All heavy atoms as atom14 arrays in JSON, in Angstrom:
{
  "sequence": "ARSEGMCEYCGLWGYTIHHRVKQSQGGVWSPVNCVALCGHGTTGHHGW",
  "atom14_mask": [
    [1, 1, 1, 1, 1, 0, 0, 0, 0, 0, 0, 0, 0, 0],
    [1, 1, 1, 1, 1, 1, 1, 1, 1, 1, 1, 0, 0, 0],
    [1, 1, 1, 1, 1, 1, 0, 0, 0, 0, 0, 0, 0, 0],
    [1, 1, 1, 1, 1, 1, 1, 1, 1, 0, 0, 0, 0, 0],
    [1, 1, 1, 1, 0, 0, 0, 0, 0, 0, 0, 0, 0, 0],
    [1, 1, 1, 1, 1, 1, 1, 1, 0, 0, 0, 0, 0, 0],
    [1, 1, 1, 1, 1, 1, 0, 0, 0, 0, 0, 0, 0, 0],
    [1, 1, 1, 1, 1, 1, 1, 1, 1, 0, 0, 0, 0, 0],
    [1, 1, 1, 1, 1, 1, 1, 1, 1, 1, 1, 1, 0, 0],
    [1, 1, 1, 1, 1, 1, 0, 0, 0, 0, 0, 0, 0, 0],
    [1, 1, 1, 1, 0, 0, 0, 0, 0, 0, 0, 0, 0, 0],
    [1, 1, 1, 1, 1, 1, 1, 1, 0, 0, 0, 0, 0, 0],
    [1, 1, 1, 1, 1, 1, 1, 1, 1, 1, 1, 1, 1, 1],
    [1, 1, 1, 1, 0, 0, 0, 0, 0, 0, 0, 0, 0, 0],
    [1, 1, 1, 1, 1, 1, 1, 1, 1, 1, 1, 1, 0, 0],
    [1, 1, 1, 1, 1, 1, 1, 0, 0, 0, 0, 0, 0, 0],
    [1, 1, 1, 1, 1, 1, 1, 1, 0, 0, 0, 0, 0, 0],
    [1, 1, 1, 1, 1, 1, 1, 1, 1, 1, 0, 0, 0, 0],
    [1, 1, 1, 1, 1, 1, 1, 1, 1, 1, 0, 0, 0, 0],
    [1, 1, 1, 1, 1, 1, 1, 1, 1, 1, 1, 0, 0, 0],
    [1, 1, 1, 1, 1, 1, 1, 0, 0, 0, 0, 0, 0, 0],
    [1, 1, 1, 1, 1, 1, 1, 1, 1, 0, 0, 0, 0, 0],
    [1, 1, 1, 1, 1, 1, 1, 1, 1, 0, 0, 0, 0, 0],
    [1, 1, 1, 1, 1, 1, 0, 0, 0, 0, 0, 0, 0, 0],
    [1, 1, 1, 1, 1, 1, 1, 1, 1, 0, 0, 0, 0, 0],
    [1, 1, 1, 1, 0, 0, 0, 0, 0, 0, 0, 0, 0, 0],
    [1, 1, 1, 1, 0, 0, 0, 0, 0, 0, 0, 0, 0, 0],
    [1, 1, 1, 1, 1, 1, 1, 0, 0, 0, 0, 0, 0, 0],
    [1, 1, 1, 1, 1, 1, 1, 1, 1, 1, 1, 1, 1, 1],
    [1, 1, 1, 1, 1, 1, 0, 0, 0, 0, 0, 0, 0, 0],
    [1, 1, 1, 1, 1, 1, 1, 0, 0, 0, 0, 0, 0, 0],
    [1, 1, 1, 1, 1, 1, 1, 0, 0, 0, 0, 0, 0, 0],
    [1, 1, 1, 1, 1, 1, 1, 1, 0, 0, 0, 0, 0, 0],
    [1, 1, 1, 1, 1, 1, 0, 0, 0, 0, 0, 0, 0, 0],
    [1, 1, 1, 1, 1, 1, 1, 0, 0, 0, 0, 0, 0, 0],
    [1, 1, 1, 1, 1, 0, 0, 0, 0, 0, 0, 0, 0, 0],
    [1, 1, 1, 1, 1, 1, 1, 1, 0, 0, 0, 0, 0, 0],
    [1, 1, 1, 1, 1, 1, 0, 0, 0, 0, 0, 0, 0, 0],
    [1, 1, 1, 1, 0, 0, 0, 0, 0, 0, 0, 0, 0, 0],
    [1, 1, 1, 1, 1, 1, 1, 1, 1, 1, 0, 0, 0, 0],
    [1, 1, 1, 1, 0, 0, 0, 0, 0, 0, 0, 0, 0, 0],
    [1, 1, 1, 1, 1, 1, 1, 0, 0, 0, 0, 0, 0, 0],
    [1, 1, 1, 1, 1, 1, 1, 0, 0, 0, 0, 0, 0, 0],
    [1, 1, 1, 1, 0, 0, 0, 0, 0, 0, 0, 0, 0, 0],
    [1, 1, 1, 1, 1, 1, 1, 1, 1, 1, 0, 0, 0, 0],
    [1, 1, 1, 1, 1, 1, 1, 1, 1, 1, 0, 0, 0, 0],
    [1, 1, 1, 1, 0, 0, 0, 0, 0, 0, 0, 0, 0, 0],
    [1, 1, 1, 1, 1, 1, 1, 1, 1, 1, 1, 1, 1, 1]
  ],
  "atom14_positions": [
    [[115.64, 81.75, 106.49], [117.04, 81.67, 105.99], [117.38, 82.9, 105.17], [118.47, 83.46, 105.33], [117.15, 80.37, 105.17], [0.0, 0.0, 0.0], [0.0, 0.0, 0.0], [0.0, 0.0, 0.0], [0.0, 0.0, 0.0], [0.0, 0.0, 0.0], [0.0, 0.0, 0.0], [0.0, 0.0, 0.0], [0.0, 0.0, 0.0], [0.0, 0.0, 0.0]],
    [[116.47, 83.34, 104.32], [116.71, 84.48, 103.45], [116.93, 85.72, 104.25], [117.8, 86.56, 104.0], [115.55, 84.63, 102.47], [115.76, 85.74, 101.45], [114.6, 85.84, 100.5], [113.41, 86.39, 101.15], [112.14, 86.29, 100.68], [111.97, 85.64, 99.57], [111.16, 86.82, 101.33], [0.0, 0.0, 0.0], [0.0, 0.0, 0.0], [0.0, 0.0, 0.0]],
    [[116.1, 85.97, 105.23], [116.08, 87.21, 106.01], [117.18, 87.22, 107.11], [117.52, 88.28, 107.63], [114.76, 87.48, 106.66], [114.5, 86.57, 107.73], [0.0, 0.0, 0.0], [0.0, 0.0, 0.0], [0.0, 0.0, 0.0], [0.0, 0.0, 0.0], [0.0, 0.0, 0.0], [0.0, 0.0, 0.0], [0.0, 0.0, 0.0], [0.0, 0.0, 0.0]],
    [[117.64, 86.06, 107.48], [118.62, 85.94, 108.58], [118.08, 86.61, 109.86], [118.83, 87.19, 110.66], [120.01, 86.53, 108.19], [120.64, 85.84, 107.0], [121.91, 86.43, 106.58], [122.05, 87.65, 106.61], [122.76, 85.65, 106.16], [0.0, 0.0, 0.0], [0.0, 0.0, 0.0], [0.0, 0.0, 0.0], [0.0, 0.0, 0.0], [0.0, 0.0, 0.0]],
    [[116.79, 86.5, 110.05], [116.18, 87.02, 111.27], [115.94, 88.51, 111.28], [115.59, 89.07, 112.38], [0.0, 0.0, 0.0], [0.0, 0.0, 0.0], [0.0, 0.0, 0.0], [0.0, 0.0, 0.0], [0.0, 0.0, 0.0], [0.0, 0.0, 0.0], [0.0, 0.0, 0.0], [0.0, 0.0, 0.0], [0.0, 0.0, 0.0], [0.0, 0.0, 0.0]],
    [[116.09, 89.15, 110.19], [115.96, 90.62, 110.1], [114.87, 91.03, 109.15], [114.52, 90.32, 108.22], [117.29, 91.26, 109.67], [118.44, 91.02, 110.64], [119.97, 91.74, 110.1], [120.51, 90.53, 108.87], [0.0, 0.0, 0.0], [0.0, 0.0, 0.0], [0.0, 0.0, 0.0], [0.0, 0.0, 0.0], [0.0, 0.0, 0.0], [0.0, 0.0, 0.0]],
    [[114.43, 92.28, 109.33], [113.45, 92.87, 108.41], [114.09, 92.98, 107.05], [115.24, 93.42, 106.88], [113.06, 94.29, 108.91], [112.02, 95.24, 107.76], [0.0, 0.0, 0.0], [0.0, 0.0, 0.0], [0.0, 0.0, 0.0], [0.0, 0.0, 0.0], [0.0, 0.0, 0.0], [0.0, 0.0, 0.0], [0.0, 0.0, 0.0], [0.0, 0.0, 0.0]],
    [[113.39, 92.51, 106.01], [113.93, 92.5, 104.69], [113.87, 93.88, 104.06], [114.46, 94.08, 102.97], [113.31, 91.41, 103.86], [113.64, 90.02, 104.36], [113.1, 88.89, 103.54], [111.86, 88.6, 103.64], [113.88, 88.32, 102.76], [0.0, 0.0, 0.0], [0.0, 0.0, 0.0], [0.0, 0.0, 0.0], [0.0, 0.0, 0.0], [0.0, 0.0, 0.0]],
    [[113.21, 94.78, 104.68], [113.15, 96.19, 104.15], [114.24, 97.05, 104.74], [114.96, 97.71, 104.01], [111.76, 96.8, 104.41], [111.6, 98.15, 103.8], [111.48, 98.26, 102.38], [111.59, 99.27, 104.57], [111.29, 99.51, 101.82], [111.42, 100.53, 103.97], [111.3, 100.62, 102.61], [111.16, 101.88, 102.05], [0.0, 0.0, 0.0], [0.0, 0.0, 0.0]],
    [[114.37, 96.96, 106.06], [115.35, 97.89, 106.72], [116.55, 97.21, 107.39], [117.53, 97.84, 107.72], [114.61, 98.76, 107.72], [114.05, 97.89, 109.2], [0.0, 0.0, 0.0], [0.0, 0.0, 0.0], [0.0, 0.0, 0.0], [0.0, 0.0, 0.0], [0.0, 0.0, 0.0], [0.0, 0.0, 0.0], [0.0, 0.0, 0.0], [0.0, 0.0, 0.0]],
    [[116.46, 95.92, 107.68], [117.5, 95.2, 108.29], [117.48, 95.15, 109.82], [118.41, 94.63, 110.48], [0.0, 0.0, 0.0], [0.0, 0.0, 0.0], [0.0, 0.0, 0.0], [0.0, 0.0, 0.0], [0.0, 0.0, 0.0], [0.0, 0.0, 0.0], [0.0, 0.0, 0.0], [0.0, 0.0, 0.0], [0.0, 0.0, 0.0], [0.0, 0.0, 0.0]],
    [[116.39, 95.67, 110.46], [116.26, 95.54, 111.94], [116.01, 94.1, 112.34], [115.34, 93.36, 111.62], [115.16, 96.45, 112.45], [115.39, 97.94, 112.47], [114.16, 98.63, 112.91], [116.61, 98.32, 113.29], [0.0, 0.0, 0.0], [0.0, 0.0, 0.0], [0.0, 0.0, 0.0], [0.0, 0.0, 0.0], [0.0, 0.0, 0.0], [0.0, 0.0, 0.0]],
    [[116.48, 93.7, 113.53], [116.24, 92.37, 114.0], [114.82, 92.16, 114.37], [114.1, 93.04, 114.86], [117.11, 92.07, 115.23], [118.56, 91.92, 114.87], [119.53, 92.84, 115.01], [119.19, 90.79, 114.3], [120.74, 92.35, 114.53], [120.51, 91.09, 114.08], [118.69, 89.52, 113.87], [121.38, 90.18, 113.52], [119.57, 88.61, 113.34], [120.93, 88.96, 113.16]],
    [[114.32, 90.93, 114.15], [112.97, 90.56, 114.5], [112.02, 90.88, 113.35], [112.18, 91.86, 112.64], [0.0, 0.0, 0.0], [0.0, 0.0, 0.0], [0.0, 0.0, 0.0], [0.0, 0.0, 0.0], [0.0, 0.0, 0.0], [0.0, 0.0, 0.0], [0.0, 0.0, 0.0], [0.0, 0.0, 0.0], [0.0, 0.0, 0.0], [0.0, 0.0, 0.0]],
    [[111.04, 90.0, 113.14], [110.13, 90.26, 112.01], [108.86, 89.45, 112.15], [108.72, 88.57, 112.99], [110.81, 89.86, 110.69], [111.07, 88.38, 110.52], [110.12, 87.51, 110.01], [112.32, 87.83, 110.87], [110.34, 86.16, 109.86], [112.56, 86.47, 110.77], [111.56, 85.68, 110.24], [111.77, 84.3, 110.11], [0.0, 0.0, 0.0], [0.0, 0.0, 0.0]],
    [[107.88, 89.84, 111.35], [106.65, 89.11, 111.12], [106.57, 88.87, 109.61], [107.19, 89.59, 108.87], [105.4, 89.85, 111.64], [105.32, 91.07, 110.94], [105.48, 90.11, 113.1], [0.0, 0.0, 0.0], [0.0, 0.0, 0.0], [0.0, 0.0, 0.0], [0.0, 0.0, 0.0], [0.0, 0.0, 0.0], [0.0, 0.0, 0.0], [0.0, 0.0, 0.0]],
    [[105.78, 87.89, 109.23], [105.6, 87.63, 107.78], [104.52, 88.51, 107.18], [103.4, 88.6, 107.78], [105.25, 86.14, 107.57], [106.31, 85.22, 108.13], [105.04, 85.87, 106.05], [107.65, 85.29, 107.45], [0.0, 0.0, 0.0], [0.0, 0.0, 0.0], [0.0, 0.0, 0.0], [0.0, 0.0, 0.0], [0.0, 0.0, 0.0], [0.0, 0.0, 0.0]],
    [[104.83, 89.12, 106.1], [103.87, 89.98, 105.35], [103.64, 89.39, 103.97], [104.61, 89.05, 103.25], [104.41, 91.37, 105.22], [103.68, 92.22, 104.23], [102.4, 92.68, 104.49], [103.99, 92.61, 103.01], [101.98, 93.35, 103.4], [102.97, 93.38, 102.55], [0.0, 0.0, 0.0], [0.0, 0.0, 0.0], [0.0, 0.0, 0.0], [0.0, 0.0, 0.0]],
    [[102.39, 89.29, 103.55], [102.04, 88.87, 102.22], [101.94, 90.09, 101.29], [101.18, 90.99, 101.57], [100.65, 88.16, 102.22], [100.69, 86.76, 102.83], [100.76, 86.61, 104.2], [100.71, 85.55, 102.24], [100.85, 85.28, 104.39], [100.78, 84.64, 103.28], [0.0, 0.0, 0.0], [0.0, 0.0, 0.0], [0.0, 0.0, 0.0], [0.0, 0.0, 0.0]],
    [[102.79, 90.09, 100.23], [102.77, 91.23, 99.32], [101.42, 91.38, 98.64], [100.9, 92.47, 98.51], [103.92, 91.1, 98.29], [105.27, 91.15, 99.04], [106.44, 90.73, 98.08], [106.57, 91.69, 97.05], [107.13, 91.4, 95.88], [107.6, 90.24, 95.59], [107.28, 92.34, 94.93], [0.0, 0.0, 0.0], [0.0, 0.0, 0.0], [0.0, 0.0, 0.0]],
    [[100.87, 90.24, 98.16], [99.47, 90.13, 97.71], [98.72, 89.6, 98.94], [99.03, 88.46, 99.4], [99.24, 89.3, 96.49], [97.77, 89.18, 96.2], [99.98, 89.8, 95.27], [0.0, 0.0, 0.0], [0.0, 0.0, 0.0], [0.0, 0.0, 0.0], [0.0, 0.0, 0.0], [0.0, 0.0, 0.0], [0.0, 0.0, 0.0], [0.0, 0.0, 0.0]],
    [[97.83, 90.35, 99.46], [97.13, 89.94, 100.69], [96.43, 88.61, 100.49], [95.92, 88.32, 99.4], [96.06, 90.95, 101.11], [96.66, 92.27, 101.56], [95.57, 93.22, 101.99], [96.22, 94.5, 102.54], [95.32, 95.18, 103.45], [0.0, 0.0, 0.0], [0.0, 0.0, 0.0], [0.0, 0.0, 0.0], [0.0, 0.0, 0.0], [0.0, 0.0, 0.0]],
    [[96.39, 87.81, 101.55], [95.72, 86.52, 101.47], [94.27, 86.7, 101.13], [93.68, 85.94, 100.37], [95.82, 85.74, 102.79], [97.26, 85.23, 103.06], [97.3, 84.46, 104.33], [97.25, 85.02, 105.4], [97.41, 83.12, 104.24], [0.0, 0.0, 0.0], [0.0, 0.0, 0.0], [0.0, 0.0, 0.0], [0.0, 0.0, 0.0], [0.0, 0.0, 0.0]],
    [[93.6, 87.74, 101.63], [92.21, 87.97, 101.36], [91.95, 88.33, 99.89], [90.82, 88.28, 99.4], [91.66, 89.1, 102.25], [92.31, 90.32, 101.94], [0.0, 0.0, 0.0], [0.0, 0.0, 0.0], [0.0, 0.0, 0.0], [0.0, 0.0, 0.0], [0.0, 0.0, 0.0], [0.0, 0.0, 0.0], [0.0, 0.0, 0.0], [0.0, 0.0, 0.0]],
    [[93.06, 88.62, 99.18], [92.98, 88.97, 97.73], [93.61, 87.88, 96.84], [93.92, 88.11, 95.71], [93.62, 90.32, 97.48], [92.94, 91.51, 98.18], [93.63, 92.79, 97.99], [94.86, 92.83, 97.76], [92.88, 93.89, 98.08], [0.0, 0.0, 0.0], [0.0, 0.0, 0.0], [0.0, 0.0, 0.0], [0.0, 0.0, 0.0], [0.0, 0.0, 0.0]],
    [[93.77, 86.7, 97.46], [94.32, 85.59, 96.67], [95.79, 85.35, 96.82], [96.32, 84.46, 96.18], [0.0, 0.0, 0.0], [0.0, 0.0, 0.0], [0.0, 0.0, 0.0], [0.0, 0.0, 0.0], [0.0, 0.0, 0.0], [0.0, 0.0, 0.0], [0.0, 0.0, 0.0], [0.0, 0.0, 0.0], [0.0, 0.0, 0.0], [0.0, 0.0, 0.0]],
    [[96.47, 86.12, 97.68], [97.89, 85.92, 97.91], [98.19, 84.62, 98.58], [97.47, 84.17, 99.42], [0.0, 0.0, 0.0], [0.0, 0.0, 0.0], [0.0, 0.0, 0.0], [0.0, 0.0, 0.0], [0.0, 0.0, 0.0], [0.0, 0.0, 0.0], [0.0, 0.0, 0.0], [0.0, 0.0, 0.0], [0.0, 0.0, 0.0], [0.0, 0.0, 0.0]],
    [[99.25, 83.98, 98.16], [99.59, 82.63, 98.68], [100.85, 82.66, 99.55], [101.62, 83.61, 99.52], [99.82, 81.61, 97.53], [98.53, 81.51, 96.68], [100.99, 82.08, 96.66], [0.0, 0.0, 0.0], [0.0, 0.0, 0.0], [0.0, 0.0, 0.0], [0.0, 0.0, 0.0], [0.0, 0.0, 0.0], [0.0, 0.0, 0.0], [0.0, 0.0, 0.0]],
    [[101.04, 81.65, 100.29], [102.25, 81.4, 101.04], [103.36, 80.98, 100.06], [103.35, 79.81, 99.62], [102.08, 80.33, 102.1], [101.36, 80.83, 103.33], [100.02, 80.68, 103.61], [101.94, 81.53, 104.42], [99.75, 81.33, 104.82], [100.93, 81.81, 105.34], [103.23, 81.93, 104.72], [101.16, 82.48, 106.54], [103.47, 82.61, 105.94], [102.4, 82.9, 106.8]],
    [[104.22, 81.9, 99.7], [105.38, 81.56, 98.86], [106.5, 82.57, 99.15], [106.2, 83.71, 99.51], [105.04, 81.61, 97.38], [104.88, 82.9, 96.92], [0.0, 0.0, 0.0], [0.0, 0.0, 0.0], [0.0, 0.0, 0.0], [0.0, 0.0, 0.0], [0.0, 0.0, 0.0], [0.0, 0.0, 0.0], [0.0, 0.0, 0.0], [0.0, 0.0, 0.0]],
    [[107.74, 82.17, 99.01], [108.86, 83.12, 99.21], [108.84, 84.29, 98.26], [109.47, 85.32, 98.56], [110.11, 82.25, 98.98], [109.67, 80.85, 99.31], [108.23, 80.8, 98.77], [0.0, 0.0, 0.0], [0.0, 0.0, 0.0], [0.0, 0.0, 0.0], [0.0, 0.0, 0.0], [0.0, 0.0, 0.0], [0.0, 0.0, 0.0], [0.0, 0.0, 0.0]],
    [[108.15, 84.23, 97.14], [108.06, 85.35, 96.23], [106.99, 86.34, 96.73], [107.16, 87.52, 96.59], [107.68, 84.91, 94.77], [107.26, 86.03, 93.9], [108.87, 84.16, 94.16], [0.0, 0.0, 0.0], [0.0, 0.0, 0.0], [0.0, 0.0, 0.0], [0.0, 0.0, 0.0], [0.0, 0.0, 0.0], [0.0, 0.0, 0.0], [0.0, 0.0, 0.0]],
    [[105.94, 85.82, 97.34], [104.86, 86.67, 97.79], [105.03, 87.16, 99.24], [104.41, 88.14, 99.61], [103.5, 85.98, 97.64], [102.34, 86.89, 97.9], [102.28, 87.97, 97.34], [101.43, 86.45, 98.73], [0.0, 0.0, 0.0], [0.0, 0.0, 0.0], [0.0, 0.0, 0.0], [0.0, 0.0, 0.0], [0.0, 0.0, 0.0], [0.0, 0.0, 0.0]],
    [[105.84, 86.5, 100.01], [105.96, 86.87, 101.43], [107.39, 87.44, 101.72], [108.36, 87.05, 101.16], [105.78, 85.62, 102.3], [104.1, 84.89, 102.17], [0.0, 0.0, 0.0], [0.0, 0.0, 0.0], [0.0, 0.0, 0.0], [0.0, 0.0, 0.0], [0.0, 0.0, 0.0], [0.0, 0.0, 0.0], [0.0, 0.0, 0.0], [0.0, 0.0, 0.0]],
    [[107.36, 88.43, 102.64], [108.63, 89.03, 103.06], [108.57, 89.14, 104.61], [107.55, 89.2, 105.21], [108.86, 90.41, 102.49], [109.13, 90.28, 100.98], [107.71, 91.35, 102.73], [0.0, 0.0, 0.0], [0.0, 0.0, 0.0], [0.0, 0.0, 0.0], [0.0, 0.0, 0.0], [0.0, 0.0, 0.0], [0.0, 0.0, 0.0], [0.0, 0.0, 0.0]],
    [[109.79, 89.19, 105.2], [109.91, 89.44, 106.59], [110.01, 90.94, 106.87], [110.87, 91.59, 106.31], [111.17, 88.76, 107.13], [0.0, 0.0, 0.0], [0.0, 0.0, 0.0], [0.0, 0.0, 0.0], [0.0, 0.0, 0.0], [0.0, 0.0, 0.0], [0.0, 0.0, 0.0], [0.0, 0.0, 0.0], [0.0, 0.0, 0.0], [0.0, 0.0, 0.0]],
    [[109.06, 91.48, 107.68], [109.1, 92.92, 108.0], [109.04, 93.1, 109.49], [108.41, 92.37, 110.23], [107.85, 93.6, 107.37], [107.75, 93.65, 105.83], [106.49, 94.33, 105.45], [108.96, 94.34, 105.25], [0.0, 0.0, 0.0], [0.0, 0.0, 0.0], [0.0, 0.0, 0.0], [0.0, 0.0, 0.0], [0.0, 0.0, 0.0], [0.0, 0.0, 0.0]],
    [[109.76, 94.14, 109.94], [109.79, 94.48, 111.36], [108.37, 94.96, 111.78], [107.66, 95.55, 111.0], [110.86, 95.5, 111.69], [110.65, 97.08, 110.85], [0.0, 0.0, 0.0], [0.0, 0.0, 0.0], [0.0, 0.0, 0.0], [0.0, 0.0, 0.0], [0.0, 0.0, 0.0], [0.0, 0.0, 0.0], [0.0, 0.0, 0.0], [0.0, 0.0, 0.0]],
    [[108.08, 94.76, 113.06], [106.84, 95.25, 113.65], [105.64, 94.44, 113.33], [105.71, 93.42, 112.66], [0.0, 0.0, 0.0], [0.0, 0.0, 0.0], [0.0, 0.0, 0.0], [0.0, 0.0, 0.0], [0.0, 0.0, 0.0], [0.0, 0.0, 0.0], [0.0, 0.0, 0.0], [0.0, 0.0, 0.0], [0.0, 0.0, 0.0], [0.0, 0.0, 0.0]],
    [[104.51, 94.87, 113.85], [103.22, 94.23, 113.63], [102.14, 95.27, 113.97], [102.43, 96.29, 114.56], [103.07, 92.91, 114.44], [103.26, 93.16, 115.94], [102.29, 93.67, 116.72], [104.33, 92.94, 116.69], [102.7, 93.75, 117.94], [103.96, 93.31, 117.96], [0.0, 0.0, 0.0], [0.0, 0.0, 0.0], [0.0, 0.0, 0.0], [0.0, 0.0, 0.0]],
    [[100.93, 94.96, 113.62], [99.87, 95.91, 113.9], [100.11, 97.27, 113.27], [100.15, 97.4, 112.08], [0.0, 0.0, 0.0], [0.0, 0.0, 0.0], [0.0, 0.0, 0.0], [0.0, 0.0, 0.0], [0.0, 0.0, 0.0], [0.0, 0.0, 0.0], [0.0, 0.0, 0.0], [0.0, 0.0, 0.0], [0.0, 0.0, 0.0], [0.0, 0.0, 0.0]],
    [[100.28, 98.24, 114.12], [100.53, 99.64, 113.62], [101.96, 100.09, 113.74], [102.27, 101.19, 113.49], [99.62, 100.64, 114.41], [99.98, 100.55, 115.79], [98.17, 100.32, 114.2], [0.0, 0.0, 0.0], [0.0, 0.0, 0.0], [0.0, 0.0, 0.0], [0.0, 0.0, 0.0], [0.0, 0.0, 0.0], [0.0, 0.0, 0.0], [0.0, 0.0, 0.0]],
    [[102.85, 99.13, 114.13], [104.25, 99.5, 114.34], [105.12, 98.96, 113.24], [104.78, 98.04, 112.51], [104.78, 98.99, 115.7], [104.78, 97.57, 115.64], [103.91, 99.48, 116.8], [0.0, 0.0, 0.0], [0.0, 0.0, 0.0], [0.0, 0.0, 0.0], [0.0, 0.0, 0.0], [0.0, 0.0, 0.0], [0.0, 0.0, 0.0], [0.0, 0.0, 0.0]],
    [[106.29, 99.55, 113.12], [107.33, 99.03, 112.19], [106.9, 99.08, 110.76], [105.88, 99.7, 110.38], [0.0, 0.0, 0.0], [0.0, 0.0, 0.0], [0.0, 0.0, 0.0], [0.0, 0.0, 0.0], [0.0, 0.0, 0.0], [0.0, 0.0, 0.0], [0.0, 0.0, 0.0], [0.0, 0.0, 0.0], [0.0, 0.0, 0.0], [0.0, 0.0, 0.0]],
    [[107.67, 98.42, 109.92], [107.38, 98.46, 108.47], [106.13, 97.62, 108.15], [105.43, 97.95, 107.15], [108.61, 98.01, 107.67], [109.6, 99.08, 107.62], [110.83, 98.98, 108.25], [109.58, 100.31, 107.08], [111.53, 100.11, 108.07], [110.76, 100.93, 107.36], [0.0, 0.0, 0.0], [0.0, 0.0, 0.0], [0.0, 0.0, 0.0], [0.0, 0.0, 0.0]],
    [[105.86, 96.56, 108.92], [104.65, 95.8, 108.63], [103.42, 96.69, 108.83], [102.54, 96.71, 107.96], [104.57, 94.58, 109.56], [103.7, 93.52, 109.01], [103.73, 92.24, 109.49], [102.76, 93.5, 108.02], [102.82, 91.5, 108.82], [102.25, 92.27, 107.93], [0.0, 0.0, 0.0], [0.0, 0.0, 0.0], [0.0, 0.0, 0.0], [0.0, 0.0, 0.0]],
    [[103.38, 97.44, 109.92], [102.31, 98.39, 110.12], [102.23, 99.48, 109.07], [101.12, 99.84, 108.62], [0.0, 0.0, 0.0], [0.0, 0.0, 0.0], [0.0, 0.0, 0.0], [0.0, 0.0, 0.0], [0.0, 0.0, 0.0], [0.0, 0.0, 0.0], [0.0, 0.0, 0.0], [0.0, 0.0, 0.0], [0.0, 0.0, 0.0], [0.0, 0.0, 0.0]],
    [[103.4, 99.99, 108.64], [103.45, 101.01, 107.66], [102.84, 100.5, 106.31], [102.06, 101.2, 105.69], [104.91, 101.43, 107.44], [105.08, 102.44, 106.28], [104.78, 103.77, 106.35], [105.51, 102.17, 105.02], [105.01, 104.35, 105.15], [105.48, 103.4, 104.26], [105.91, 101.02, 104.35], [105.87, 103.51, 102.93], [106.34, 101.1, 103.02], [106.3, 102.35, 102.34]]
  ]
}
């Protein structure tokens, strides 16, 4: 709902969920800790 289907960093359509504090470092599933970012793996803002 917050992202309206777009990357919350650049506004491109389509996204994956990124944990600002990584889950492996104790980051949790919460709207404060998670953002929608374009791309995945090595592409887009998520990869960056």
